[in-house]
């Protein structure tokens, strides 16, 4: 889950350390099945796979997933599902803590959210979130079963898609079934998984107007339509691909990259260069706030876009007083500052990871790609291939650095960077 601008207080900051510790130990324990089964005999590799699963990144070091023992493969998919829900939110749903501690922990995990709760109490909020999340998972699994998957593959991909993770139980992913029905089902649920879960809850309660006037929801829909429409036209115009197929593939790849799911049904590197360039841009927009998607998030781009327009108005009218409007209401100035700070930290961490990868001997483009994909919890870029074999050969220190970027990206940076602040040690 994620949000728009950092608004943590000293009280909520106390939740940062237990949240980070919980995620670290969850990833540490999650590595044991890979390590003890011998699937990944080096513990750093097992830890990387576990981190990639829990953070819903989807980058994998396992070349042949179909040869894995079924229990370990099931655990691999389950890490996505648990990570997508959020270890702390799941804990709050099952073991509500007294004295407001639960709200502090969830605030730390979703640092920067607009902090609009589904219900007045955090325990009820977590339970309602869990119900929506679980309900979508079950529904998706049933539809995939109808589409021709067996129960194992259906449940595995339901875990992966609802968590916007990208792991698959097949080496060729969704493309292994060659099924338009399965692809359309995946498209719909990737859109839902990348959407704001708070807005989904309101939508399920019939509050359609509130969702329709939401700035982030409108921008999310616009990006999907523009990206898919442009790519579909490029595919039809360049290779004569039938309209139905071009629309389906364009929607699948656009939504997959926008939501940071990372699944693929075709090799986009064979697409026309303009379509590839647009998908490369879409990949780093991210999904909505309060979703399982990674990346910078749509709402932050909306805020910065509106602020840029406000600054232009000030240049043309120096005496005027302008403010950005979000969801039909005037936005706070500190929200803009929070977004600007987040984007700076995001790019700074990408640059640090980029330098670390370059120092390992990788070329500049590959290093930048890996840094962006792990930081944004995307896992895979353009094409069906991933960087698994390449990452497998990297030194342990580099893999550890990539694990850090994945966890930092999953926790929206603030909770992790706050631990290194002098002010945090004074709390």
Protein backbone atom coordinates (compact mmCIF):
# COMPACT_ATOMS: atom_id res chain seq x y z
CA UNK A 1 0.00 0.00 0.00
CA UNK A 2 1.15 3.54 -0.54
CA UNK A 3 0.24 7.19 -0.56
CA UNK A 4 0.72 10.75 -1.57
CA UNK A 5 2.79 12.79 0.85
CA UNK A 6 4.58 12.23 4.09
CA UNK A 7 2.67 13.47 7.07
CA UNK A 8 4.06 11.40 9.90
CA UNK A 9 4.29 12.78 13.40
CA UNK A 10 6.65 11.92 16.20
CA UNK A 11 4.01 9.60 17.62
CA UNK A 12 3.57 7.69 14.36
CA UNK A 13 7.33 7.64 13.80
CA UNK A 14 7.68 5.15 16.64
CA UNK A 15 6.06 2.60 14.36
CA UNK A 16 8.79 2.84 11.72
CA UNK A 17 11.29 0.57 13.44
CA UNK A 18 8.94 -2.37 14.21
CA UNK A 19 7.52 -2.18 10.67
CA UNK A 20 10.96 -2.33 9.04
CA UNK A 21 12.01 -5.08 11.45
CA UNK A 22 8.85 -7.08 10.71
CA UNK A 23 9.44 -6.91 6.96
CA UNK A 24 13.11 -7.85 7.32
CA UNK A 25 12.40 -10.89 9.48
CA UNK A 26 9.48 -11.95 7.29
CA UNK A 27 11.84 -11.95 4.30
CA UNK A 28 14.50 -13.75 6.34
CA UNK A 29 12.11 -16.53 7.36
CA UNK A 30 10.64 -16.61 3.87
CA UNK A 31 14.06 -17.53 2.49
CA UNK A 32 14.24 -20.80 4.46
CA UNK A 33 12.04 -22.94 2.13
CA UNK A 34 14.23 -22.04 -0.87
CA UNK A 35 17.45 -22.62 1.07
CA UNK A 36 16.51 -25.80 2.93
CA UNK A 37 14.96 -27.44 -0.14
CA UNK A 38 18.11 -26.79 -2.15
CA UNK A 39 16.22 -24.80 -4.80
CA UNK A 40 18.57 -21.91 -4.06
CA UNK A 41 21.57 -23.33 -2.16
CA UNK A 42 23.16 -19.93 -1.41
CA UNK A 43 21.31 -18.12 1.36
CA UNK A 44 21.74 -14.67 -0.22
CA UNK A 45 19.95 -15.98 -3.33
CA UNK A 46 17.17 -17.46 -1.21
CA UNK A 47 16.88 -14.16 0.66
CA UNK A 48 16.71 -12.22 -2.61
CA UNK A 49 13.88 -14.46 -3.90
CA UNK A 50 12.04 -14.04 -0.60
CA UNK A 51 12.42 -10.25 -0.64
CA UNK A 52 11.27 -10.14 -4.25
CA UNK A 53 8.20 -12.15 -3.26
CA UNK A 54 7.18 -10.24 -0.13
CA UNK A 55 7.80 -6.84 -1.73
CA UNK A 56 5.77 -7.98 -4.78
CA UNK A 57 8.68 -7.12 -7.06
CA UNK A 58 8.61 -10.36 -9.03
CA UNK A 59 12.27 -10.54 -10.06
CA UNK A 60 13.31 -14.19 -9.82
CA UNK A 61 16.61 -16.08 -9.75
CA UNK A 62 14.93 -19.40 -10.58
CA UNK A 63 15.28 -20.24 -14.27
CA UNK A 64 13.01 -23.29 -14.35
CA UNK A 65 10.11 -22.74 -11.95
CA UNK A 66 8.20 -25.75 -13.30
CA UNK A 67 10.85 -28.10 -11.90
CA UNK A 68 10.45 -26.73 -8.37
CA UNK A 69 8.80 -28.86 -5.65
CA UNK A 70 5.10 -27.93 -5.48
CA UNK A 71 5.17 -26.91 -1.77
CA UNK A 72 8.09 -24.52 -2.35
CA UNK A 73 6.46 -23.18 -5.51
CA UNK A 74 3.21 -22.58 -3.60
CA UNK A 75 5.15 -20.75 -0.88
CA UNK A 76 6.72 -18.60 -3.59
CA UNK A 77 3.26 -17.47 -4.72
CA UNK A 78 2.01 -17.04 -1.16
CA UNK A 79 4.84 -14.59 -0.34
CA UNK A 80 3.40 -12.31 -3.02
CA UNK A 81 -0.08 -12.48 -1.56
CA UNK A 82 1.05 -11.87 2.02
CA UNK A 83 3.38 -9.08 1.00
CA UNK A 84 0.68 -7.41 -1.05
CA UNK A 85 -1.68 -7.31 1.89
CA UNK A 86 1.09 -6.05 4.10
CA UNK A 87 2.52 -7.94 7.05
CA UNK A 88 1.41 -5.29 9.52
CA UNK A 89 -2.10 -4.88 8.07
CA UNK A 90 -2.51 -8.67 8.18
CA UNK A 91 -1.33 -8.67 11.79
CA UNK A 92 -3.79 -5.90 12.69
CA UNK A 93 -6.62 -7.89 11.11
CA UNK A 94 -5.89 -10.97 13.20
CA UNK A 95 -4.38 -9.55 16.42
CA UNK A 96 -5.63 -5.97 17.01
CA UNK A 97 -3.28 -4.11 19.36
CA UNK A 98 -4.53 -1.84 22.16
CA UNK A 99 -3.88 1.83 22.78
CA UNK A 100 -3.65 3.01 19.18
CA UNK A 101 -0.48 1.00 18.53
CA UNK A 102 -2.07 -0.68 15.53
CA UNK A 103 -2.81 2.66 13.88
CA UNK A 104 0.80 3.79 14.42
CA UNK A 105 2.15 0.61 12.82
CA UNK A 106 -0.11 0.81 9.78
CA UNK A 107 0.67 4.52 9.39
CA UNK A 108 4.36 3.62 9.37
CA UNK A 109 3.82 1.05 6.66
CA UNK A 110 1.64 3.35 4.56
CA UNK A 111 3.65 6.50 5.38
CA UNK A 112 2.40 9.34 3.24
CA UNK A 113 -1.16 8.16 2.63
CA UNK A 114 -4.02 10.57 2.78
CA UNK A 115 -4.83 8.55 5.90
CA UNK A 116 -8.50 8.21 5.03
CA UNK A 117 -9.66 5.10 6.86
CA UNK A 118 -12.27 2.69 5.61
CA UNK A 119 -13.87 2.58 9.06
CA UNK A 120 -13.20 4.48 12.31
CA UNK A 121 -11.21 1.69 13.95
CA UNK A 122 -7.95 0.32 12.61
CA UNK A 123 -8.91 -3.28 13.36
CA UNK A 124 -12.11 -2.89 11.33
CA UNK A 125 -10.17 -1.11 8.60
CA UNK A 126 -7.68 -3.96 8.35
CA UNK A 127 -10.43 -6.58 8.35
CA UNK A 128 -12.39 -4.80 5.64
CA UNK A 129 -9.26 -4.40 3.55
CA UNK A 130 -8.52 -8.09 4.04
CA UNK A 131 -12.06 -9.03 2.98
CA UNK A 132 -11.84 -7.04 -0.25
CA UNK A 133 -8.35 -8.37 -0.95
CA UNK A 134 -9.32 -11.98 -0.24
CA UNK A 135 -12.62 -11.69 -2.10
CA UNK A 136 -10.90 -10.50 -5.27
CA UNK A 137 -8.33 -13.30 -4.93
CA UNK A 138 -11.00 -16.00 -4.67
CA UNK A 139 -13.03 -14.55 -7.54
CA UNK A 140 -9.97 -14.33 -9.78
CA UNK A 141 -8.94 -17.92 -8.97
CA UNK A 142 -12.44 -19.17 -9.89
CA UNK A 143 -12.41 -17.31 -13.22
CA UNK A 144 -8.95 -18.65 -14.06
CA UNK A 145 -10.21 -22.16 -13.30
CA UNK A 146 -13.08 -21.57 -15.71
CA UNK A 147 -10.54 -20.35 -18.27
CA UNK A 148 -8.66 -23.65 -18.26
CA UNK A 149 -6.04 -23.45 -15.52
CA UNK A 150 -5.83 -26.21 -12.92
CA UNK A 151 -6.46 -25.28 -9.30
CA UNK A 152 -2.77 -24.85 -8.46
CA UNK A 153 -2.01 -22.49 -11.36
CA UNK A 154 -5.26 -20.60 -10.79
CA UNK A 155 -4.57 -19.96 -7.10
CA UNK A 156 -0.91 -19.14 -7.76
CA UNK A 157 -1.70 -16.54 -10.41
CA UNK A 158 -4.53 -15.13 -8.30
CA UNK A 159 -1.97 -14.57 -5.52
CA UNK A 160 0.43 -12.98 -7.99
CA UNK A 161 -2.00 -10.69 -9.83
CA UNK A 162 -3.96 -9.35 -6.85
CA UNK A 163 -0.63 -8.55 -5.18
CA UNK A 164 0.67 -7.02 -8.46
CA UNK A 165 3.69 -9.25 -8.01
CA UNK A 166 4.53 -11.02 -11.27
CA UNK A 167 5.69 -14.46 -10.15
CA UNK A 168 4.29 -17.28 -12.27
CA UNK A 169 4.05 -21.05 -11.87
CA UNK A 170 4.98 -21.48 -15.54
CA UNK A 171 8.22 -20.58 -17.29
CA UNK A 172 6.28 -18.74 -20.01
CA UNK A 173 3.88 -17.08 -17.59
CA UNK A 174 0.34 -16.29 -18.78
CA UNK A 175 1.47 -16.84 -22.38
CA UNK A 176 1.67 -20.59 -21.65
CA UNK A 177 -2.14 -20.89 -21.98
CA UNK A 178 -2.63 -18.95 -25.25
CA UNK A 179 -6.07 -18.00 -23.95
CA UNK A 180 -7.74 -14.65 -24.77
CA UNK A 181 -10.27 -15.32 -21.97
CA UNK A 182 -7.51 -15.70 -19.35
CA UNK A 183 -5.74 -12.60 -20.67
CA UNK A 184 -8.92 -10.48 -20.42
CA UNK A 185 -9.56 -11.74 -16.89
CA UNK A 186 -5.98 -10.85 -15.92
CA UNK A 187 -6.35 -7.38 -17.48
CA UNK A 188 -9.46 -6.61 -15.43
CA UNK A 189 -7.96 -7.77 -12.15
CA UNK A 190 -4.60 -6.07 -12.73
CA UNK A 191 -6.55 -2.82 -13.20
CA UNK A 192 -8.42 -3.47 -9.93
CA UNK A 193 -5.24 -4.45 -8.06
CA UNK A 194 -3.48 -1.27 -9.20
CA UNK A 195 -6.47 0.87 -8.17
CA UNK A 196 -6.88 2.59 -4.81
CA UNK A 197 -8.35 0.02 -2.38
CA UNK A 198 -10.02 2.74 -0.34
CA UNK A 199 -11.84 3.88 -3.46
CA UNK A 200 -12.69 0.28 -4.33
CA UNK A 201 -14.30 -0.09 -0.90
CA UNK A 202 -16.36 3.04 -1.51
CA UNK A 203 -17.25 1.80 -4.99
CA UNK A 204 -18.50 -1.48 -3.52
CA UNK A 205 -20.65 0.55 -1.14
CA UNK A 206 -22.26 2.40 -4.05
CA UNK A 207 -20.42 5.74 -3.69
CA UNK A 208 -19.83 6.11 -7.42
CA UNK A 209 -19.74 9.91 -7.53
CA UNK A 210 -16.97 10.07 -4.96
CA UNK A 211 -14.86 7.73 -7.09
CA UNK A 212 -15.65 9.50 -10.37
CA UNK A 213 -14.55 12.90 -9.08
CA UNK A 214 -11.34 11.53 -7.57
CA UNK A 215 -8.34 13.11 -9.34
CA UNK A 216 -6.16 10.01 -9.07
CA UNK A 217 -8.88 7.67 -10.35
CA UNK A 218 -9.48 9.84 -13.41
CA UNK A 219 -5.75 10.09 -14.15
CA UNK A 220 -5.33 6.32 -13.71
CA UNK A 221 -8.07 5.61 -16.23
CA UNK A 222 -6.71 8.21 -18.65
CA UNK A 223 -3.20 6.74 -18.59
CA UNK A 224 -4.56 3.24 -19.32
CA UNK A 225 -6.70 4.46 -22.22
CA UNK A 226 -3.97 6.60 -23.80
CA UNK A 227 -1.23 3.99 -23.40
CA UNK A 228 -3.30 1.05 -24.63
CA UNK A 229 -4.86 3.07 -27.45
CA UNK A 230 -1.53 4.36 -28.72
CA UNK A 231 0.14 0.93 -28.58
CA UNK A 232 -2.84 -0.77 -30.25
CA UNK A 233 -2.77 1.72 -33.11
CA UNK A 234 1.02 1.30 -33.45
CA UNK A 235 0.71 -2.51 -33.58
CA UNK A 236 -2.14 -2.42 -36.09
CA UNK A 237 -0.45 0.19 -38.25
CA UNK A 238 3.02 -1.38 -38.25
CA UNK A 239 2.37 -5.10 -38.60
CA UNK A 240 -1.24 -5.41 -39.62
CA UNK A 241 -2.14 -7.19 -36.36
CA UNK A 242 -5.92 -7.66 -36.05
CA UNK A 243 -7.61 -4.95 -34.01
CA UNK A 244 -8.90 -7.38 -31.40
CA UNK A 245 -5.48 -8.88 -30.75
CA UNK A 246 -3.69 -5.53 -30.80
CA UNK A 247 -6.13 -4.02 -28.28
CA UNK A 248 -5.89 -7.06 -25.97
CA UNK A 249 -2.09 -7.22 -26.02
CA UNK A 250 -1.72 -3.45 -25.65
CA UNK A 251 -4.09 -3.37 -22.69
CA UNK A 252 -2.39 -6.34 -21.04
CA UNK A 253 1.13 -4.94 -21.32
CA UNK A 254 0.12 -1.37 -20.42
CA UNK A 255 -1.81 -2.42 -17.32
CA UNK A 256 0.84 -4.96 -16.32
CA UNK A 257 3.61 -2.35 -16.34
CA UNK A 258 1.50 0.48 -14.90
CA UNK A 259 0.40 -1.67 -11.96
CA UNK A 260 3.97 -3.02 -11.55
CA UNK A 261 2.69 -6.59 -11.98
CA UNK A 262 5.28 -7.43 -14.63
CA UNK A 263 3.49 -10.32 -16.33
CA UNK A 264 3.77 -10.58 -20.12
CA UNK A 265 1.99 -12.36 -22.96
CA UNK A 266 4.27 -11.17 -25.75
CA UNK A 267 7.76 -9.81 -26.34
CA UNK A 268 7.37 -6.03 -26.44
CA UNK A 269 10.90 -5.59 -27.75
CA UNK A 270 9.45 -6.63 -31.13
CA UNK A 271 6.90 -3.80 -30.99
CA UNK A 272 7.38 -0.49 -32.87
CA UNK A 273 9.88 1.82 -31.07
CA UNK A 274 7.26 4.51 -30.23
CA UNK A 275 5.13 1.89 -28.44
CA UNK A 276 8.18 0.62 -26.53
CA UNK A 277 9.10 4.17 -25.51
CA UNK A 278 5.60 4.83 -24.18
CA UNK A 279 5.55 1.56 -22.21
CA UNK A 280 8.97 2.44 -20.75
CA UNK A 281 7.48 5.72 -19.51
CA UNK A 282 4.29 4.07 -18.19
CA UNK A 283 6.36 1.53 -16.28
CA UNK A 284 7.57 4.18 -13.84
CA UNK A 285 4.33 6.04 -13.27
CA UNK A 286 3.15 3.39 -10.81
CA UNK A 287 -0.37 2.48 -9.80
CA UNK A 288 -2.68 4.29 -7.40
CA UNK A 289 -2.02 5.17 -3.78
CA UNK A 290 -3.33 2.67 -1.21
CA UNK A 291 -2.86 -0.17 -3.68
CA UNK A 292 -0.41 -3.05 -3.93
CA UNK A 293 1.32 -1.43 -6.93
CA UNK A 294 4.86 -0.08 -6.87
CA UNK A 295 6.48 2.94 -8.51
CA UNK A 296 6.14 6.64 -7.73
CA UNK A 297 2.30 6.43 -7.89
CA UNK A 298 -0.21 8.25 -10.07
CA UNK A 299 -1.35 10.66 -7.35
CA UNK A 300 2.17 12.06 -6.91
CA UNK A 301 2.41 12.75 -10.64
CA UNK A 302 -1.00 14.44 -10.52
CA UNK A 303 0.11 16.68 -7.65
CA UNK A 304 3.38 17.65 -9.35
CA UNK A 305 1.58 18.28 -12.66
CA UNK A 306 -0.93 20.56 -10.97
CA UNK A 307 1.81 22.34 -9.05
CA UNK A 308 3.71 22.96 -12.30
CA UNK A 309 0.57 24.53 -13.75
CA UNK A 310 0.19 26.65 -10.62
CA UNK A 311 3.77 27.91 -10.94
CA UNK A 312 3.19 28.89 -14.57
CA UNK A 313 0.10 30.87 -13.51
CA UNK A 314 2.19 32.67 -10.88
CA UNK A 315 4.75 33.67 -13.50
CA UNK A 316 2.02 35.16 -15.66
CA UNK A 317 0.15 36.72 -12.71
CA UNK A 318 2.74 37.57 -9.97
CA UNK A 319 0.13 39.08 -7.66
CA UNK A 320 -2.27 36.18 -7.94
CA UNK A 321 -2.78 33.53 -5.27
CA UNK A 322 -3.03 30.04 -6.70
CA UNK A 323 -3.37 26.62 -5.14
CA UNK A 324 -3.72 23.16 -6.61
CA UNK A 325 -7.04 21.36 -6.41
CA UNK A 326 -7.20 17.64 -5.65
CA UNK A 327 -10.52 15.77 -5.64
CA UNK A 328 -12.35 19.07 -6.04
CA UNK A 329 -10.74 20.59 -2.92
CA UNK A 330 -7.80 22.93 -2.44
CA UNK A 331 -4.61 20.99 -1.71
CA UNK A 332 -2.26 21.77 1.14
CA UNK A 333 1.18 23.21 0.43
CA UNK A 334 2.88 20.69 2.73
CA UNK A 335 1.44 17.91 0.54
CA UNK A 336 3.38 19.29 -2.43
CA UNK A 337 6.54 19.50 -0.30
CA UNK A 338 6.06 15.89 0.78
CA UNK A 339 5.70 14.69 -2.81
CA UNK A 340 8.77 16.65 -3.91
CA UNK A 341 10.76 15.16 -1.04
CA UNK A 342 9.61 11.66 -1.90
CA UNK A 343 10.52 12.00 -5.58
CA UNK A 344 13.97 13.31 -4.63
CA UNK A 345 14.60 10.36 -2.29
CA UNK A 346 13.25 7.95 -4.90
CA UNK A 347 15.60 9.22 -7.60
CA UNK A 348 18.51 9.43 -5.14
CA UNK A 349 18.10 5.76 -4.22
CA UNK A 350 17.79 4.79 -7.89
CA UNK A 351 21.02 6.66 -8.59
CA UNK A 352 22.81 4.96 -5.67
CA UNK A 353 21.68 1.52 -6.88
CA UNK A 354 22.69 2.49 -10.41
CA UNK A 355 26.24 3.36 -9.27
CA UNK A 356 26.47 0.14 -7.24
CA UNK A 357 25.48 -1.94 -10.27
CA UNK A 358 27.86 -0.09 -12.55
CA UNK A 359 30.66 -0.81 -10.07
CA UNK A 360 29.87 -4.53 -10.42
CA UNK A 361 30.81 -4.39 -14.11
CA UNK A 362 27.34 -4.15 -15.69
CA UNK A 363 26.81 -1.76 -18.59
CA UNK A 364 25.07 1.57 -18.01
CA UNK A 365 21.69 0.69 -19.58
CA UNK A 366 21.39 -2.64 -17.74
CA UNK A 367 22.42 -1.00 -14.45
CA UNK A 368 19.81 1.74 -14.84
CA UNK A 369 17.16 -0.80 -15.80
CA UNK A 370 17.86 -2.99 -12.77
CA UNK A 371 17.95 -0.02 -10.41
CA UNK A 372 14.59 1.26 -11.64
CA UNK A 373 12.92 -2.15 -11.71
CA UNK A 374 13.91 -3.12 -8.16
CA UNK A 375 13.23 0.32 -6.69
CA UNK A 376 9.79 0.46 -8.30
CA UNK A 377 8.98 -3.18 -7.33
CA UNK A 378 8.32 -3.89 -11.01
CA UNK A 379 10.63 -6.90 -11.41
CA UNK A 380 10.44 -7.12 -15.19
CA UNK A 381 10.76 -4.47 -17.84
CA UNK A 382 9.94 -4.73 -21.51
CA UNK A 383 9.79 -8.20 -23.03
CA UNK A 384 9.18 -11.60 -21.48
CA UNK A 385 12.77 -12.09 -20.34
CA UNK A 386 13.89 -11.00 -16.91
CA UNK A 387 17.21 -10.24 -15.24
CA UNK A 388 17.27 -13.40 -13.11
CA UNK A 389 20.36 -15.07 -14.65
CA UNK A 390 22.18 -11.75 -14.59
CA UNK A 391 21.35 -11.05 -10.94
CA UNK A 392 22.27 -14.62 -10.00
CA UNK A 393 25.87 -13.96 -11.07
CA UNK A 394 26.24 -10.71 -9.12
CA UNK A 395 28.30 -10.52 -5.89
CA UNK A 396 26.45 -10.99 -2.60
CA UNK A 397 26.95 -7.32 -1.69
CA UNK A 398 25.17 -6.17 -4.85
CA UNK A 399 22.28 -8.57 -4.25
CA UNK A 400 22.00 -7.26 -0.69
CA UNK A 401 21.85 -3.71 -2.04
CA UNK A 402 19.05 -4.66 -4.43
CA UNK A 403 17.19 -6.28 -1.53
CA UNK A 404 17.43 -2.98 0.35
CA UNK A 405 16.02 -1.02 -2.59
CA UNK A 406 13.13 -3.48 -2.94
CA UNK A 407 12.20 -3.23 0.75
CA UNK A 408 12.61 0.57 0.75
CA UNK A 409 10.39 0.83 -2.31
CA UNK A 410 7.75 -1.42 -0.76
CA UNK A 411 7.67 0.70 2.41
CA UNK A 412 7.43 3.94 0.43
CA UNK A 413 10.98 5.05 1.44
CA UNK A 414 9.98 7.25 4.39
CA UNK A 415 9.77 4.47 6.98
CA UNK A 416 13.23 3.18 5.98
CA UNK A 417 15.02 6.52 5.60
CA UNK A 418 13.55 7.78 8.89
CA UNK A 419 15.62 5.13 10.72
CA UNK A 420 18.82 6.83 9.53
CA UNK A 421 17.74 10.25 10.72
CA UNK A 422 19.22 11.89 13.83
CA UNK A 423 15.75 13.06 14.80
CA UNK A 424 14.53 9.47 14.88
CA UNK A 425 17.13 8.57 17.51
CA UNK A 426 15.86 11.40 19.71
CA UNK A 427 12.28 10.14 19.71
